[in-house]
Amino acid sequence: MNRSVSVALLVFAAIVTPSGCSSHRSSSNTESSPEPALTTPTAAESEKAGATSLSKRQVDQFLAPSCERIAQSIEQGNEGYREEQIRKATQYFTPMFEPGQDGGLRGVDRKACINIEGSCIVGEWLYNYAGPSRPWGNRYDRSVVPFKFGKGSGQSQYNTMNALDPCRTLAADKNHYPSGTVVYIPSMKQKKCPQTGKVVDGCFIVGDVGSAITGAKRFDIFTGECLNYSKRSNTCRDSLNREFVAPKETTYYVVNRDNNIAKELRQETDNFIRSNWRTVAD
């Protein structure tokens, strides 16, 4: 999202510890001991377990044909894409909070939503950071806006929907990876997206920024809604979030945003969002 705040988030090794994060987070986080992950990563699981009255939005996960072509090209050794190794990769998300008596964001959740994460979901409302002059942010009815999970860093020809897409949107330093750049991480292929519980294809699109996301080889992966958000550590404890990680020195490939296959991937993604995240006006 297009905000200048950031926080410590998840870094994964043998344990989970907070680290610097995305555009929507405050930098005023402190180190804390890791907390155990809960086992409610998807809407279906949470409803079955009865663990919470909240549930994740049911959306599909699609495997992009253009991403498969990128992978095949790399395997055949004739891709021409830049190969790099990750310096640091974290993840960010949109926490879900119970509504207040008026059906809106509660005061007790405002800081975590607006100042820390930059967005959150309360019932069918999406709250989004809107600058220091609007301490409660902007509120959107999710049934009538295309950005169901939050806004990216701004609309452009390279980011036409400006919608955060779970397990597709990537936050990065625009000086190194401009909006619309495609990043393919082979080791992420077949991992399950925390939002859907379904496998991904390993291709990500840069569509967000963050004050803590600076320099080359530094990324923040958007994972969607978070059912079990810890205000103490500003982390998501949904079980699949622990697994959806790209460790340090993981190999990835950069596809220039003006490359035809990068354009195809963005178009496929936009078409998927338009056809599968329908609004009441559609």
Protein backbone atom coordinates (compact mmCIF):
# COMPACT_ATOMS: atom_id res chain seq x y z
CA MET A 1 0.00 0.00 0.00
CA ASN A 2 1.06 3.54 -0.63
CA ARG A 3 2.14 4.45 2.83
CA SER A 4 5.47 5.35 4.31
CA VAL A 5 5.24 3.38 7.48
CA SER A 6 6.72 -0.02 8.28
CA VAL A 7 7.30 -2.53 11.17
CA ALA A 8 9.08 -5.64 12.27
CA LEU A 9 7.53 -8.79 10.90
CA LEU A 10 8.15 -12.44 10.41
CA VAL A 11 11.56 -13.82 9.51
CA PHE A 12 11.68 -17.55 9.34
CA ALA A 13 14.42 -19.94 10.21
CA ALA A 14 13.95 -22.60 12.84
CA ILE A 15 11.85 -20.09 14.81
CA VAL A 16 9.71 -17.07 14.04
CA THR A 17 10.95 -13.62 15.00
CA PRO A 18 9.82 -10.14 13.96
CA SER A 19 11.69 -8.17 11.34
CA GLY A 20 11.33 -5.10 9.12
CA CYS A 21 8.26 -5.11 6.93
CA SER A 22 6.12 -3.43 4.35
CA SER A 23 4.67 -0.16 3.33
CA HIS A 24 1.83 -0.40 5.72
CA ARG A 25 3.71 -0.85 8.93
CA SER A 26 5.09 1.34 11.67
CA SER A 27 8.76 1.07 12.54
CA SER A 28 8.00 1.26 16.27
CA ASN A 29 7.92 -2.48 16.90
CA THR A 30 10.02 -4.20 19.54
CA GLU A 31 11.56 -7.65 19.68
CA SER A 32 9.41 -10.26 21.41
CA SER A 33 9.49 -13.99 22.01
CA PRO A 34 7.88 -16.11 19.30
CA GLU A 35 4.30 -17.24 19.78
CA PRO A 36 2.92 -20.64 18.71
CA ALA A 37 1.04 -20.73 15.41
CA LEU A 38 -2.64 -21.55 15.50
CA THR A 39 -4.15 -24.01 13.08
CA THR A 40 -6.79 -21.92 11.31
CA PRO A 41 -5.32 -20.80 8.00
CA THR A 42 -8.48 -20.88 5.86
CA ALA A 43 -12.11 -19.93 6.20
CA ALA A 44 -13.25 -23.55 5.93
CA GLU A 45 -10.92 -24.70 8.69
CA SER A 46 -11.85 -21.89 11.06
CA GLU A 47 -15.57 -22.53 10.61
CA LYS A 48 -15.09 -26.27 11.14
CA ALA A 49 -13.08 -25.75 14.30
CA GLY A 50 -15.38 -23.03 15.60
CA ALA A 51 -12.27 -21.22 16.82
CA THR A 52 -13.36 -17.74 15.78
CA SER A 53 -16.39 -15.86 14.48
CA LEU A 54 -14.20 -14.43 11.74
CA SER A 55 -13.54 -16.22 8.49
CA LYS A 56 -11.35 -15.53 5.49
CA ARG A 57 -12.84 -14.49 2.19
CA GLN A 58 -13.27 -17.41 -0.18
CA VAL A 59 -11.27 -16.69 -3.32
CA ASP A 60 -9.68 -18.96 -5.89
CA GLN A 61 -5.98 -19.39 -6.54
CA PHE A 62 -4.93 -19.49 -10.16
CA LEU A 63 -1.79 -20.85 -11.74
CA ALA A 64 -0.78 -18.43 -14.48
CA PRO A 65 0.11 -19.95 -17.88
CA SER A 66 2.71 -17.21 -18.38
CA CYS A 67 4.41 -18.19 -15.11
CA GLU A 68 4.71 -21.77 -16.30
CA ARG A 69 6.38 -20.49 -19.46
CA ILE A 70 8.83 -18.48 -17.37
CA ALA A 71 9.66 -21.59 -15.35
CA GLN A 72 10.12 -23.71 -18.49
CA SER A 73 12.36 -21.10 -20.07
CA ILE A 74 14.59 -21.07 -16.98
CA GLU A 75 14.75 -24.87 -16.89
CA GLN A 76 15.82 -24.89 -20.54
CA GLY A 77 18.55 -22.36 -19.84
CA ASN A 78 17.48 -19.77 -22.41
CA GLU A 79 15.52 -17.29 -20.33
CA GLY A 80 17.72 -14.19 -20.22
CA TYR A 81 16.30 -13.20 -16.83
CA ARG A 82 18.48 -11.78 -14.06
CA GLU A 83 19.32 -14.34 -11.39
CA GLU A 84 19.74 -13.18 -7.80
CA GLN A 85 19.64 -14.51 -4.23
CA ILE A 86 17.34 -13.14 -1.56
CA ARG A 87 18.96 -10.98 1.10
CA LYS A 88 15.83 -10.83 3.23
CA ALA A 89 12.17 -11.67 2.62
CA THR A 90 9.31 -11.05 5.03
CA GLN A 91 5.54 -11.16 4.69
CA TYR A 92 2.66 -8.80 5.33
CA PHE A 93 -1.09 -9.20 5.58
CA THR A 94 -4.44 -7.58 6.32
CA PRO A 95 -5.60 -8.43 9.87
CA MET A 96 -9.25 -9.13 10.62
CA PHE A 97 -10.89 -7.60 13.69
CA GLU A 98 -14.27 -8.03 15.33
CA PRO A 99 -16.56 -5.02 14.75
CA GLY A 100 -17.48 -2.59 17.50
CA GLN A 101 -21.02 -1.88 18.66
CA ASP A 102 -21.53 0.44 15.69
CA GLY A 103 -20.30 -2.22 13.28
CA GLY A 104 -17.06 -0.39 12.61
CA LEU A 105 -13.42 -0.38 13.68
CA ARG A 106 -12.97 -0.39 17.46
CA GLY A 107 -10.71 2.15 19.11
CA VAL A 108 -8.65 -0.64 20.65
CA ASP A 109 -7.80 -1.91 17.15
CA ARG A 110 -7.26 1.43 15.41
CA LYS A 111 -3.49 1.70 16.02
CA ALA A 112 -2.77 -1.84 14.85
CA CYS A 113 -4.94 -1.34 11.79
CA ILE A 114 -4.05 2.15 10.63
CA ASN A 115 -0.65 2.93 12.15
CA ILE A 116 0.94 -0.52 12.20
CA GLU A 117 -0.49 -2.58 9.34
CA GLY A 118 -2.02 0.26 7.33
CA SER A 119 -5.18 -1.69 6.59
CA CYS A 120 -7.56 -4.14 8.21
CA ILE A 121 -10.90 -5.81 7.67
CA VAL A 122 -13.86 -5.32 9.99
CA GLY A 123 -16.95 -7.19 8.87
CA GLU A 124 -17.40 -6.22 5.23
CA TRP A 125 -15.48 -2.97 5.68
CA LEU A 126 -11.91 -2.43 4.54
CA TYR A 127 -10.05 0.26 6.46
CA ASN A 128 -7.06 1.74 4.67
CA TYR A 129 -4.37 4.22 5.72
CA ALA A 130 -5.11 7.68 4.31
CA GLY A 131 -2.38 9.92 5.73
CA PRO A 132 -1.81 11.70 9.04
CA SER A 133 -4.82 14.00 8.58
CA ARG A 134 -7.21 11.03 8.69
CA PRO A 135 -6.37 9.05 11.86
CA TRP A 136 -9.13 6.52 11.18
CA GLY A 137 -8.14 6.08 7.55
CA ASN A 138 -10.58 5.59 4.71
CA ARG A 139 -13.35 3.02 4.93
CA TYR A 140 -14.54 1.02 1.92
CA ASP A 141 -17.42 -1.38 1.40
CA ARG A 142 -15.67 -4.48 0.11
CA SER A 143 -18.72 -5.47 -1.93
CA VAL A 144 -18.30 -2.49 -4.25
CA VAL A 145 -14.54 -2.03 -4.56
CA PRO A 146 -12.12 -4.20 -6.58
CA PHE A 147 -9.32 -4.02 -3.98
CA LYS A 148 -10.80 -6.54 -1.54
CA PHE A 149 -7.65 -6.91 0.57
CA GLY A 150 -6.20 -3.41 0.36
CA LYS A 151 -4.57 -0.98 -2.04
CA GLY A 152 -1.11 -1.20 -3.55
CA SER A 153 1.33 1.63 -4.11
CA GLY A 154 -0.75 3.37 -6.77
CA GLN A 155 -2.40 2.84 -10.14
CA SER A 156 -0.33 3.00 -13.31
CA GLN A 157 0.02 1.17 -16.60
CA TYR A 158 2.06 -1.38 -14.66
CA ASN A 159 -0.42 -1.67 -11.79
CA THR A 160 -3.82 -1.11 -13.33
CA MET A 161 -5.94 -2.70 -10.58
CA ASN A 162 -3.82 -1.43 -7.67
CA ALA A 163 -5.26 -4.29 -5.62
CA LEU A 164 -3.20 -6.32 -3.17
CA ASP A 165 -3.41 -9.90 -4.41
CA PRO A 166 -2.70 -12.66 -1.85
CA CYS A 167 0.46 -14.59 -2.70
CA ARG A 168 0.96 -12.58 -5.90
CA THR A 169 1.68 -9.00 -4.76
CA LEU A 170 5.23 -8.21 -3.73
CA ALA A 171 6.51 -5.09 -1.98
CA ALA A 172 10.00 -4.01 -3.07
CA ASP A 173 12.28 -1.01 -3.45
CA LYS A 174 11.07 0.72 -6.62
CA ASN A 175 14.60 1.95 -7.34
CA HIS A 176 15.62 -1.66 -7.89
CA TYR A 177 12.33 -3.32 -8.83
CA PRO A 178 9.84 -0.88 -10.41
CA SER A 179 6.12 -1.49 -10.19
CA GLY A 180 5.10 -4.28 -12.55
CA THR A 181 8.39 -6.18 -12.29
CA VAL A 182 7.90 -9.94 -12.11
CA VAL A 183 9.88 -11.98 -9.61
CA TYR A 184 9.86 -15.76 -10.00
CA ILE A 185 10.94 -17.79 -6.95
CA PRO A 186 11.16 -21.47 -7.94
CA SER A 187 11.22 -22.74 -4.34
CA MET A 188 7.87 -21.04 -3.63
CA LYS A 189 6.16 -23.04 -6.37
CA GLN A 190 3.69 -25.56 -4.90
CA LYS A 191 3.67 -23.90 -1.49
CA LYS A 192 0.18 -23.21 -0.14
CA CYS A 193 -1.11 -19.65 -0.02
CA PRO A 194 -2.28 -18.70 3.50
CA GLN A 195 -5.38 -17.03 2.05
CA THR A 196 -6.67 -19.94 -0.02
CA GLY A 197 -4.87 -23.03 1.24
CA LYS A 198 -4.05 -23.82 -2.41
CA VAL A 199 -0.67 -24.07 -4.12
CA VAL A 200 0.89 -21.14 -5.95
CA ASP A 201 2.96 -20.96 -9.13
CA GLY A 202 5.94 -19.04 -7.70
CA CYS A 203 5.48 -15.83 -9.70
CA PHE A 204 5.05 -12.52 -7.90
CA ILE A 205 4.38 -9.01 -9.20
CA VAL A 206 5.81 -5.89 -7.59
CA GLY A 207 2.86 -3.68 -6.72
CA ASP A 208 3.71 -2.21 -3.35
CA VAL A 209 6.48 -0.41 -1.47
CA GLY A 210 7.60 0.01 2.13
CA SER A 211 9.95 2.24 4.07
CA ALA A 212 11.61 -0.83 5.60
CA ILE A 213 11.79 -2.57 2.22
CA THR A 214 14.93 -0.98 0.82
CA GLY A 215 17.76 -2.03 -1.43
CA ALA A 216 18.24 -4.92 -3.79
CA LYS A 217 17.23 -8.49 -2.92
CA ARG A 218 14.78 -7.34 -0.21
CA PHE A 219 11.10 -8.28 -0.51
CA ASP A 220 7.84 -8.38 1.42
CA ILE A 221 5.25 -10.95 0.31
CA PHE A 222 1.54 -10.19 0.74
CA THR A 223 -0.29 -13.25 2.13
CA GLY A 224 -3.88 -11.96 2.39
CA GLU A 225 -6.13 -11.81 5.42
CA CYS A 226 -4.89 -12.73 8.89
CA LEU A 227 -7.28 -14.39 11.32
CA ASN A 228 -4.88 -14.72 14.24
CA TYR A 229 -3.08 -11.40 14.45
CA SER A 230 -0.79 -10.73 17.42
CA LYS A 231 -0.69 -7.10 18.48
CA ARG A 232 2.18 -7.91 20.81
CA SER A 233 4.53 -8.92 17.99
CA ASN A 234 2.62 -7.55 14.97
CA THR A 235 2.73 -10.97 13.36
CA CYS A 236 0.21 -13.34 11.82
CA ARG A 237 -0.05 -16.69 13.59
CA ASP A 238 -2.15 -18.49 10.99
CA SER A 239 -0.40 -21.82 10.46
CA LEU A 240 0.25 -21.52 6.71
CA ASN A 241 2.02 -18.20 7.25
CA ARG A 242 4.82 -20.10 8.96
CA GLU A 243 5.38 -22.16 5.84
CA PHE A 244 4.96 -19.53 3.14
CA VAL A 245 8.50 -18.19 3.30
CA ALA A 246 11.57 -17.63 1.15
CA PRO A 247 14.73 -17.93 3.29
CA LYS A 248 17.91 -15.92 2.87
CA GLU A 249 19.96 -16.82 -0.21
CA THR A 250 16.96 -18.36 -1.97
CA THR A 251 17.43 -18.07 -5.74
CA TYR A 252 14.95 -16.02 -7.74
CA TYR A 253 14.70 -14.53 -11.23
CA VAL A 254 13.79 -10.97 -12.20
CA VAL A 255 11.67 -10.37 -15.32
CA ASN A 256 11.77 -6.79 -16.60
CA ARG A 257 8.34 -5.17 -16.41
CA ASP A 258 8.43 -4.30 -20.12
CA ASN A 259 9.14 -7.88 -21.13
CA ASN A 260 6.16 -9.28 -23.04
CA ILE A 261 5.79 -12.21 -20.66
CA ALA A 262 5.67 -9.84 -17.68
CA LYS A 263 2.88 -7.95 -19.46
CA GLU A 264 1.05 -11.21 -20.03
CA LEU A 265 1.29 -12.19 -16.38
CA ARG A 266 -0.07 -8.82 -15.25
CA GLN A 267 -2.93 -9.12 -17.76
CA GLU A 268 -3.77 -12.64 -16.64
CA THR A 269 -3.77 -11.48 -13.02
CA ASP A 270 -5.99 -8.48 -13.76
CA ASN A 271 -8.44 -10.66 -15.68
CA PHE A 272 -8.55 -13.15 -12.83
CA ILE A 273 -9.30 -10.42 -10.28
CA ARG A 274 -12.02 -8.91 -12.47
CA SER A 275 -13.75 -12.23 -13.05
CA ASN A 276 -13.32 -13.80 -9.61
CA TRP A 277 -13.48 -10.87 -7.19
CA ARG A 278 -16.77 -9.55 -8.50
CA THR A 279 -18.44 -6.49 -6.95
CA VAL A 280 -22.17 -5.95 -6.59
CA ALA A 281 -21.97 -3.53 -9.53
CA ASP A 282 -20.62 -6.21 -11.90
